[in-house]
Structures are given as structure tokens and as C-alpha cells.
């Protein structure tokens, strides 16, 4: 019964809450293909389209996870159900993370088909970058209870990566373009931590 309930929740969310973020991510995907020549790129050049633009698919999917409940009527309706509201949000995060990984994988697959120098490290790095930037927006949106602030936080961090490379260290967004793929594990771990921390804070807020 419980599994069926969660399945229904996923179906409802995919039907009503997933199309808009997915459409935005498709726009980012197509814009990246349009603005960057992804044919026979070598190493750092191959990482540029992934780090400089494609990473925004993570923001499109993760930042608006809490958006539906910013409408008080919808939030009251969700909170009146037997399933915990935060569990509903966790399900949204799971399919958003999966969608982000699919979009990045598809893009890397296109690059590989066009003879770009991409490998598993580039794929992981692209997913980690997208998830981290998305997690920044997700955390800001969840903690502030304002999705607009989430987008602003992600954009601010993106801009900071241009002028604060030395200060961001292992959390520099464009490290693959600079020839370093090793630090992407830190971004992936930080994304996981940000998402988990946000849920903890929101759970504590529920108890107050």
C-alpha cells in the first residue's frame, strides 16, 4: 500500500511539477549545443560547454523542488496528507538528480559521437558540477522558502567562480576546463551535504 502511495505521488509530481523544470533544462541543453561547437574538442576545451552552460540543468531541476508549496493553498493541501511533506520533496529530489544525470550523460554522448576528447571523468565531473550548482540553489530556496533567492544564490556562485578561483579552491566550478578533474568529487560530496543539510533544517523547522 505504501509503495503504491509513493508511486502515485511520483506520478502526480511528474505530471504537474516536472514539465516546467524539464522544459527549462531542454532549453539549456539546446542552447549549449547552439553556442558551442562540440566537434573534435580536446581535453579542457571539451569541458567548457559542460562547465560553462550545461551545468545549469542542475539548477533548473533542483532549485524549484519547493516551488509548488510556496502557494499556501497547495502547501496546506500537501501537509494535510498522510505522507510527510518533506518525503514528497525527497522524491522530487531523487527524480531531479536522475534527470540531471541523464541530461549530462546525453550531452557527453553527443560529444563523444562527434569525436570530442571526453571520458568517464568528464561525465562524472559534468554531473557533479550540475548537481552542486543545483544544490546551491536548492539549499538557498529551501532555507529561505523563496525559490527566487535559490536562483539568485546559484547565479551568485556561478559568477564568483569567475573572480574567486583561488579562494574557491576545490569548489571551483570550472576546474575541468583548467585541466583538473580530481576536485569534482568534492563538488559531488558538497552537493550531497547541501541537500541533506537543507532537509535537516526544514525538519527542525517543522518541529518548532
C-alpha atoms as a PDB file:
ATOM      1  CA  UNK A   1       0.000   0.000   0.000  1.00  0.00           C
ATOM      2  CA  UNK A   2       2.770   2.378   0.982  1.00  0.00           C
ATOM      3  CA  UNK A   3       4.761   1.594  -2.173  1.00  0.00           C
ATOM      4  CA  UNK A   4       1.656   2.272  -4.234  1.00  0.00           C
ATOM      5  CA  UNK A   5       1.149   5.564  -2.434  1.00  0.00           C
ATOM      6  CA  UNK A   6       4.686   6.733  -3.170  1.00  0.00           C
ATOM      7  CA  UNK A   7       4.299   5.602  -6.761  1.00  0.00           C
ATOM      8  CA  UNK A   8       1.172   7.714  -7.093  1.00  0.00           C
ATOM      9  CA  UNK A   9       2.981  10.694  -5.568  1.00  0.00           C
ATOM     10  CA  UNK A  10       5.801  10.374  -8.104  1.00  0.00           C
ATOM     11  CA  UNK A  11       3.326  10.118 -10.989  1.00  0.00           C
ATOM     12  CA  UNK A  12       1.407  13.198  -9.812  1.00  0.00           C
ATOM     13  CA  UNK A  13       4.603  15.212  -9.389  1.00  0.00           C
ATOM     14  CA  UNK A  14       5.992  14.127 -12.747  1.00  0.00           C
ATOM     15  CA  UNK A  15       2.716  15.165 -14.351  1.00  0.00           C
ATOM     16  CA  UNK A  16       2.254  18.519 -12.651  1.00  0.00           C
ATOM     17  CA  UNK A  17       5.631  19.718 -11.281  1.00  0.00           C
ATOM     18  CA  UNK A  18       8.237  18.170 -13.600  1.00  0.00           C
ATOM     19  CA  UNK A  19       7.312  19.549 -17.064  1.00  0.00           C
ATOM     20  CA  UNK A  20       8.327  23.192 -16.411  1.00  0.00           C
ATOM     21  CA  UNK A  21      11.809  22.400 -14.999  1.00  0.00           C
ATOM     22  CA  UNK A  22      12.304  19.808 -17.751  1.00  0.00           C
ATOM     23  CA  UNK A  23      11.388  22.338 -20.443  1.00  0.00           C
ATOM     24  CA  UNK A  24      13.901  24.792 -18.947  1.00  0.00           C
ATOM     25  CA  UNK A  25      16.597  22.104 -18.883  1.00  0.00           C
ATOM     26  CA  UNK A  26      15.877  21.217 -22.517  1.00  0.00           C
ATOM     27  CA  UNK A  27      16.306  24.901 -23.351  1.00  0.00           C
ATOM     28  CA  UNK A  28      19.708  24.954 -21.617  1.00  0.00           C
ATOM     29  CA  UNK A  29      20.684  21.726 -23.390  1.00  0.00           C
ATOM     30  CA  UNK A  30      19.792  23.065 -26.839  1.00  0.00           C
ATOM     31  CA  UNK A  31      21.359  26.456 -26.133  1.00  0.00           C
ATOM     32  CA  UNK A  32      24.628  24.748 -25.187  1.00  0.00           C
ATOM     33  CA  UNK A  33      24.632  22.853 -28.478  1.00  0.00           C
ATOM     34  CA  UNK A  34      23.874  26.092 -30.312  1.00  0.00           C
ATOM     35  CA  UNK A  35      26.524  28.271 -28.661  1.00  0.00           C
ATOM     36  CA  UNK A  36      29.372  25.755 -28.519  1.00  0.00           C
ATOM     37  CA  UNK A  37      30.938  23.827 -31.360  1.00  0.00           C
ATOM     38  CA  UNK A  38      31.124  20.346 -29.852  1.00  0.00           C
ATOM     39  CA  UNK A  39      33.096  18.683 -32.638  1.00  0.00           C
ATOM     40  CA  UNK A  40      36.558  17.152 -32.122  1.00  0.00           C
ATOM     41  CA  UNK A  41      37.287  19.153 -28.964  1.00  0.00           C
ATOM     42  CA  UNK A  42      40.330  18.268 -26.892  1.00  0.00           C
ATOM     43  CA  UNK A  43      40.530  17.924 -23.088  1.00  0.00           C
ATOM     44  CA  UNK A  44      39.917  21.323 -21.454  1.00  0.00           C
ATOM     45  CA  UNK A  45      38.086  22.650 -24.495  1.00  0.00           C
ATOM     46  CA  UNK A  46      35.688  19.727 -24.301  1.00  0.00           C
ATOM     47  CA  UNK A  47      34.884  20.597 -20.689  1.00  0.00           C
ATOM     48  CA  UNK A  48      33.927  24.203 -21.472  1.00  0.00           C
ATOM     49  CA  UNK A  49      30.368  23.675 -22.734  1.00  0.00           C
ATOM     50  CA  UNK A  50      29.660  21.328 -19.841  1.00  0.00           C
ATOM     51  CA  UNK A  51      31.000  23.596 -17.102  1.00  0.00           C
ATOM     52  CA  UNK A  52      30.100  26.985 -18.514  1.00  0.00           C
ATOM     53  CA  UNK A  53      26.494  26.362 -19.563  1.00  0.00           C
ATOM     54  CA  UNK A  54      25.212  22.787 -19.394  1.00  0.00           C
ATOM     55  CA  UNK A  55      25.716  22.777 -15.599  1.00  0.00           C
ATOM     56  CA  UNK A  56      22.588  24.961 -15.357  1.00  0.00           C
ATOM     57  CA  UNK A  57      20.377  21.928 -15.991  1.00  0.00           C
ATOM     58  CA  UNK A  58      21.047  21.049 -12.341  1.00  0.00           C
ATOM     59  CA  UNK A  59      19.722  24.443 -11.278  1.00  0.00           C
ATOM     60  CA  UNK A  60      16.640  24.047 -13.474  1.00  0.00           C
ATOM     61  CA  UNK A  61      15.785  20.699 -11.893  1.00  0.00           C
ATOM     62  CA  UNK A  62      16.770  21.110  -8.230  1.00  0.00           C
ATOM     63  CA  UNK A  63      16.097  24.740  -7.338  1.00  0.00           C
ATOM     64  CA  UNK A  64      12.291  24.644  -7.882  1.00  0.00           C
ATOM     65  CA  UNK A  65      11.728  21.492  -5.787  1.00  0.00           C
ATOM     66  CA  UNK A  66       9.925  23.539  -3.104  1.00  0.00           C
ATOM     67  CA  UNK A  67       8.203  25.911  -5.534  1.00  0.00           C
ATOM     68  CA  UNK A  68       4.688  24.361  -5.612  1.00  0.00           C
ATOM     69  CA  UNK A  69       4.227  24.791  -1.857  1.00  0.00           C
ATOM     70  CA  UNK A  70       5.035  28.482  -1.966  1.00  0.00           C
ATOM     71  CA  UNK A  71       1.358  28.696  -2.840  1.00  0.00           C
ATOM     72  CA  UNK A  72      -0.209  28.476   0.635  1.00  0.00           C
ATOM     73  CA  UNK A  73      -3.281  26.581  -0.575  1.00  0.00           C
ATOM     74  CA  UNK A  74      -1.140  23.896  -2.206  1.00  0.00           C
ATOM     75  CA  UNK A  75       1.117  23.674   0.852  1.00  0.00           C
ATOM     76  CA  UNK A  76      -1.868  23.255   3.189  1.00  0.00           C
ATOM     77  CA  UNK A  77      -3.265  20.538   0.920  1.00  0.00           C
ATOM     78  CA  UNK A  78       0.075  18.687   0.823  1.00  0.00           C
ATOM     79  CA  UNK A  79       0.596  18.975   4.571  1.00  0.00           C
ATOM     80  CA  UNK A  80      -2.892  17.585   5.237  1.00  0.00           C
ATOM     81  CA  UNK A  81      -1.971  14.283   3.554  1.00  0.00           C
ATOM     82  CA  UNK A  82      -0.715  11.231   5.425  1.00  0.00           C
ATOM     83  CA  UNK A  83       2.695  11.368   3.732  1.00  0.00           C
ATOM     84  CA  UNK A  84       5.201  13.811   5.224  1.00  0.00           C
ATOM     85  CA  UNK A  85       5.691  16.880   3.018  1.00  0.00           C
ATOM     86  CA  UNK A  86       9.482  16.528   3.185  1.00  0.00           C
ATOM     87  CA  UNK A  87       9.244  12.946   1.936  1.00  0.00           C
ATOM     88  CA  UNK A  88       7.390  14.273  -1.097  1.00  0.00           C
ATOM     89  CA  UNK A  89      10.242  16.754  -1.625  1.00  0.00           C
ATOM     90  CA  UNK A  90      12.795  13.942  -1.277  1.00  0.00           C
ATOM     91  CA  UNK A  91      11.065  12.051  -4.076  1.00  0.00           C
ATOM     92  CA  UNK A  92      11.246  15.194  -6.208  1.00  0.00           C
ATOM     93  CA  UNK A  93      14.958  15.478  -5.458  1.00  0.00           C
ATOM     94  CA  UNK A  94      15.555  11.854  -6.466  1.00  0.00           C
ATOM     95  CA  UNK A  95      13.948  12.176  -9.885  1.00  0.00           C
ATOM     96  CA  UNK A  96      15.542  15.613 -10.358  1.00  0.00           C
ATOM     97  CA  UNK A  97      19.006  14.196  -9.670  1.00  0.00           C
ATOM     98  CA  UNK A  98      18.301  11.326 -12.062  1.00  0.00           C
ATOM     99  CA  UNK A  99      17.107  13.738 -14.753  1.00  0.00           C
ATOM    100  CA  UNK A 100      20.219  15.893 -14.323  1.00  0.00           C
ATOM    101  CA  UNK A 101      22.446  12.833 -14.753  1.00  0.00           C
ATOM    102  CA  UNK A 102      20.509  11.788 -17.872  1.00  0.00           C
ATOM    103  CA  UNK A 103      20.832  15.220 -19.499  1.00  0.00           C
ATOM    104  CA  UNK A 104      24.581  15.447 -18.825  1.00  0.00           C
ATOM    105  CA  UNK A 105      25.105  11.848 -19.983  1.00  0.00           C
ATOM    106  CA  UNK A 106      23.210  12.509 -23.195  1.00  0.00           C
ATOM    107  CA  UNK A 107      25.267  15.629 -23.884  1.00  0.00           C
ATOM    108  CA  UNK A 108      28.556  13.826 -23.243  1.00  0.00           C
ATOM    109  CA  UNK A 109      27.326  11.023 -25.506  1.00  0.00           C
ATOM    110  CA  UNK A 110      26.724  13.541 -28.299  1.00  0.00           C
ATOM    111  CA  UNK A 111      30.205  14.983 -27.759  1.00  0.00           C
ATOM    112  CA  UNK A 112      31.753  11.518 -27.902  1.00  0.00           C
ATOM    113  CA  UNK A 113      29.887  10.770 -31.128  1.00  0.00           C
ATOM    114  CA  UNK A 114      31.368  13.984 -32.539  1.00  0.00           C
ATOM    115  CA  UNK A 115      34.892  12.816 -31.649  1.00  0.00           C
ATOM    116  CA  UNK A 116      35.448  15.065 -28.627  1.00  0.00           C
ATOM    117  CA  UNK A 117      38.004  14.014 -26.012  1.00  0.00           C
ATOM    118  CA  UNK A 118      35.535  13.010 -23.292  1.00  0.00           C
ATOM    119  CA  UNK A 119      35.661  10.071 -20.887  1.00  0.00           C
ATOM    120  CA  UNK A 120      34.149   8.814 -17.637  1.00  0.00           C
ATOM    121  CA  UNK A 121      35.941  11.508 -15.625  1.00  0.00           C
ATOM    122  CA  UNK A 122      34.404  14.242 -17.760  1.00  0.00           C
ATOM    123  CA  UNK A 123      30.977  12.616 -17.415  1.00  0.00           C
ATOM    124  CA  UNK A 124      31.264  12.404 -13.624  1.00  0.00           C
ATOM    125  CA  UNK A 125      32.679  15.919 -13.462  1.00  0.00           C
ATOM    126  CA  UNK A 126      29.788  17.288 -15.515  1.00  0.00           C
ATOM    127  CA  UNK A 127      27.196  15.570 -13.326  1.00  0.00           C
ATOM    128  CA  UNK A 128      28.950  16.711 -10.133  1.00  0.00           C
ATOM    129  CA  UNK A 129      29.129  20.323 -11.339  1.00  0.00           C
ATOM    130  CA  UNK A 130      25.465  20.401 -12.348  1.00  0.00           C
ATOM    131  CA  UNK A 131      24.346  18.796  -9.087  1.00  0.00           C
ATOM    132  CA  UNK A 132      26.478  21.113  -6.970  1.00  0.00           C
ATOM    133  CA  UNK A 133      25.240  24.299  -8.618  1.00  0.00           C
ATOM    134  CA  UNK A 134      21.701  22.946  -8.405  1.00  0.00           C
ATOM    135  CA  UNK A 135      22.211  22.074  -4.737  1.00  0.00           C
ATOM    136  CA  UNK A 136      23.331  25.643  -4.003  1.00  0.00           C
ATOM    137  CA  UNK A 137      20.053  26.896  -5.452  1.00  0.00           C
ATOM    138  CA  UNK A 138      18.095  24.122  -3.741  1.00  0.00           C
ATOM    139  CA  UNK A 139      19.563  24.906  -0.313  1.00  0.00           C
ATOM    140  CA  UNK A 140      19.017  28.648  -0.645  1.00  0.00           C
ATOM    141  CA  UNK A 141      15.442  28.129  -1.847  1.00  0.00           C
ATOM    142  CA  UNK A 142      14.607  25.648   0.897  1.00  0.00           C
ATOM    143  CA  UNK A 143      16.125  27.559   3.791  1.00  0.00           C
ATOM    144  CA  UNK A 144      14.760  30.932   2.683  1.00  0.00           C
ATOM    145  CA  UNK A 145      11.454  29.421   1.484  1.00  0.00           C
ATOM    146  CA  UNK A 146      11.844  31.526  -1.639  1.00  0.00           C
ATOM    147  CA  UNK A 147      12.710  29.925  -4.976  1.00  0.00           C
ATOM    148  CA  UNK A 148      13.802  33.242  -6.486  1.00  0.00           C
ATOM    149  CA  UNK A 149      16.510  33.501  -3.819  1.00  0.00           C
ATOM    150  CA  UNK A 150      17.592  29.992  -4.795  1.00  0.00           C
ATOM    151  CA  UNK A 151      18.168  31.009  -8.410  1.00  0.00           C
ATOM    152  CA  UNK A 152      19.979  34.153  -7.266  1.00  0.00           C
ATOM    153  CA  UNK A 153      22.279  32.113  -4.990  1.00  0.00           C
ATOM    154  CA  UNK A 154      23.180  29.726  -7.816  1.00  0.00           C
ATOM    155  CA  UNK A 155      23.869  32.649 -10.153  1.00  0.00           C
ATOM    156  CA  UNK A 156      25.984  34.412  -7.499  1.00  0.00           C
ATOM    157  CA  UNK A 157      28.118  31.292  -7.004  1.00  0.00           C
ATOM    158  CA  UNK A 158      28.492  30.888 -10.757  1.00  0.00           C
ATOM    159  CA  UNK A 159      29.731  34.486 -11.059  1.00  0.00           C
ATOM    160  CA  UNK A 160      32.028  34.007  -8.067  1.00  0.00           C
ATOM    161  CA  UNK A 161      33.803  31.223  -9.938  1.00  0.00           C
ATOM    162  CA  UNK A 162      34.995  33.792 -12.471  1.00  0.00           C
ATOM    163  CA  UNK A 163      36.587  36.161  -9.967  1.00  0.00           C
ATOM    164  CA  UNK A 164      37.420  33.966  -6.963  1.00  0.00           C
ATOM    165  CA  UNK A 165      39.167  30.954  -8.480  1.00  0.00           C
ATOM    166  CA  UNK A 166      41.969  30.937  -5.932  1.00  0.00           C
ATOM    167  CA  UNK A 167      39.622  31.387  -2.995  1.00  0.00           C
ATOM    168  CA  UNK A 168      37.107  28.702  -4.033  1.00  0.00           C
ATOM    169  CA  UNK A 169      39.811  26.046  -4.234  1.00  0.00           C
ATOM    170  CA  UNK A 170      38.328  22.567  -4.610  1.00  0.00           C
ATOM    171  CA  UNK A 171      34.878  24.071  -5.100  1.00  0.00           C
ATOM    172  CA  UNK A 172      35.815  25.980  -8.259  1.00  0.00           C
ATOM    173  CA  UNK A 173      33.170  25.225 -10.875  1.00  0.00           C
ATOM    174  CA  UNK A 174      35.420  25.319 -13.925  1.00  0.00           C
ATOM    175  CA  UNK A 175      38.247  23.067 -12.742  1.00  0.00           C
ATOM    176  CA  UNK A 176      37.998  20.625 -15.691  1.00  0.00           C
ATOM    177  CA  UNK A 177      38.476  23.490 -18.141  1.00  0.00           C
ATOM    178  CA  UNK A 178      41.630  24.329 -16.184  1.00  0.00           C
ATOM    179  CA  UNK A 179      42.817  20.722 -16.554  1.00  0.00           C
ATOM    180  CA  UNK A 180      41.832  19.357 -13.148  1.00  0.00           C
ATOM    181  CA  UNK A 181      39.188  16.617 -12.858  1.00  0.00           C
ATOM    182  CA  UNK A 182      40.209  15.385  -9.398  1.00  0.00           C
ATOM    183  CA  UNK A 183      38.285  18.042  -7.457  1.00  0.00           C
ATOM    184  CA  UNK A 184      34.885  17.088  -8.877  1.00  0.00           C
ATOM    185  CA  UNK A 185      34.490  14.520  -6.124  1.00  0.00           C
ATOM    186  CA  UNK A 186      34.452  17.406  -3.646  1.00  0.00           C
ATOM    187  CA  UNK A 187      31.631  19.088  -5.583  1.00  0.00           C
ATOM    188  CA  UNK A 188      29.614  15.873  -5.576  1.00  0.00           C
ATOM    189  CA  UNK A 189      30.116  15.418  -1.836  1.00  0.00           C
ATOM    190  CA  UNK A 190      29.241  19.069  -1.199  1.00  0.00           C
ATOM    191  CA  UNK A 191      26.053  18.725  -3.267  1.00  0.00           C
ATOM    192  CA  UNK A 192      25.006  15.719  -1.188  1.00  0.00           C
ATOM    193  CA  UNK A 193      25.795  17.595   2.023  1.00  0.00           C
ATOM    194  CA  UNK A 194      23.861  20.708   0.970  1.00  0.00           C
ATOM    195  CA  UNK A 195      20.779  18.692   0.070  1.00  0.00           C
ATOM    196  CA  UNK A 196      20.919  16.684   3.293  1.00  0.00           C
ATOM    197  CA  UNK A 197      21.550  19.794   5.404  1.00  0.00           C
ATOM    198  CA  UNK A 198      18.559  21.538   3.843  1.00  0.00           C
ATOM    199  CA  UNK A 199      16.235  18.683   4.736  1.00  0.00           C
ATOM    200  CA  UNK A 200      17.569  18.605   8.304  1.00  0.00           C
ATOM    201  CA  UNK A 201      16.985  22.350   8.733  1.00  0.00           C
ATOM    202  CA  UNK A 202      13.485  22.104   7.303  1.00  0.00           C
ATOM    203  CA  UNK A 203      12.684  19.113   9.515  1.00  0.00           C
ATOM    204  CA  UNK A 204      13.814  21.037  12.592  1.00  0.00           C
ATOM    205  CA  UNK A 205      11.711  24.000  11.454  1.00  0.00           C
ATOM    206  CA  UNK A 206       8.659  21.705  11.245  1.00  0.00           C
ATOM    207  CA  UNK A 207       9.062  20.814  14.914  1.00  0.00           C
ATOM    208  CA  UNK A 208       9.152  24.425  16.126  1.00  0.00           C
END
